[in-house]
């Protein structure tokens, strides 16, 4: 990741984004991250969460479309 940018998130798979989000949560829970870095990684976590939600919604929509076309 390039420091200060989150452009890489859009290219991540659901699994990659979820893994990155889990690492952020783990780092924040440890509490040994400086405040300025905590804010940055929290913001990145919010972007990762949104990305995961969009990918999950798209997958759910595809499954629903397949299910409806079978019926």
Protein backbone atom coordinates (compact mmCIF):
# COMPACT_ATOMS: atom_id res chain seq x y z
CA UNK A 1 0.00 0.00 0.00
CA UNK A 2 1.23 3.45 -0.83
CA UNK A 3 1.22 5.54 2.33
CA UNK A 4 -1.65 8.00 2.37
CA UNK A 5 -3.66 6.42 -0.44
CA UNK A 6 -6.32 3.77 -0.48
CA UNK A 7 -6.51 3.28 -4.25
CA UNK A 8 -5.58 -0.38 -3.89
CA UNK A 9 -8.84 -1.23 -2.12
CA UNK A 10 -10.95 -1.16 -5.30
CA UNK A 11 -8.82 -3.93 -6.82
CA UNK A 12 -9.06 -6.22 -3.76
CA UNK A 13 -11.12 -9.36 -3.70
CA UNK A 14 -13.59 -9.81 -0.85
CA UNK A 15 -11.17 -12.17 0.90
CA UNK A 16 -8.23 -9.76 0.56
CA UNK A 17 -10.25 -6.82 1.87
CA UNK A 18 -11.64 -8.84 4.77
CA UNK A 19 -8.15 -10.01 5.73
CA UNK A 20 -6.85 -6.41 5.63
CA UNK A 21 -9.82 -5.27 7.73
CA UNK A 22 -9.22 -8.01 10.29
CA UNK A 23 -5.57 -6.92 10.59
CA UNK A 24 -6.65 -3.33 11.18
CA UNK A 25 -9.09 -4.38 13.90
CA UNK A 26 -6.38 -6.51 15.51
CA UNK A 27 -3.85 -3.64 15.41
CA UNK A 28 -6.35 -1.18 16.90
CA UNK A 29 -7.37 -3.63 19.64
CA UNK A 30 -3.75 -4.05 20.70
CA UNK A 31 -3.66 -0.32 21.41
CA UNK A 32 0.03 0.14 20.66
CA UNK A 33 -0.49 2.18 17.48
CA UNK A 34 0.22 5.93 17.66
CA UNK A 35 -2.90 8.13 17.54
CA UNK A 36 -2.23 9.65 14.08
CA UNK A 37 -1.65 6.19 12.61
CA UNK A 38 -4.74 4.85 14.42
CA UNK A 39 -6.86 7.50 12.72
CA UNK A 40 -5.40 6.66 9.30
CA UNK A 41 -5.89 2.94 9.64
CA UNK A 42 -9.39 3.42 11.08
CA UNK A 43 -10.31 5.45 7.98
CA UNK A 44 -8.84 2.71 5.80
CA UNK A 45 -10.87 0.19 7.76
CA UNK A 46 -14.06 2.11 6.99
CA UNK A 47 -13.20 2.04 3.27
CA UNK A 48 -12.44 -1.69 3.44
CA UNK A 49 -15.73 -2.32 5.23
CA UNK A 50 -17.64 -0.45 2.53
CA UNK A 51 -15.82 -2.37 -0.19
CA UNK A 52 -16.65 -5.70 1.47
CA UNK A 53 -20.30 -4.69 1.80
CA UNK A 54 -20.50 -3.75 -1.90
CA UNK A 55 -18.88 -7.01 -3.00
CA UNK A 56 -21.12 -9.05 -0.73
CA UNK A 57 -24.24 -7.25 -2.00
CA UNK A 58 -23.18 -7.88 -5.62
CA UNK A 59 -22.69 -11.59 -4.87
CA UNK A 60 -26.08 -11.78 -3.14
CA UNK A 61 -27.72 -10.08 -6.14
CA UNK A 62 -26.14 -12.62 -8.51
CA UNK A 63 -27.34 -15.54 -6.40
CA UNK A 64 -30.85 -14.08 -6.26
CA UNK A 65 -30.87 -13.56 -10.03
CA UNK A 66 -29.79 -17.19 -10.58
CA UNK A 67 -32.41 -18.42 -8.14
CA UNK A 68 -35.16 -16.39 -9.83
CA UNK A 69 -34.16 -17.57 -13.30
CA UNK A 70 -34.39 -21.20 -12.15
CA UNK A 71 -37.92 -20.71 -10.80
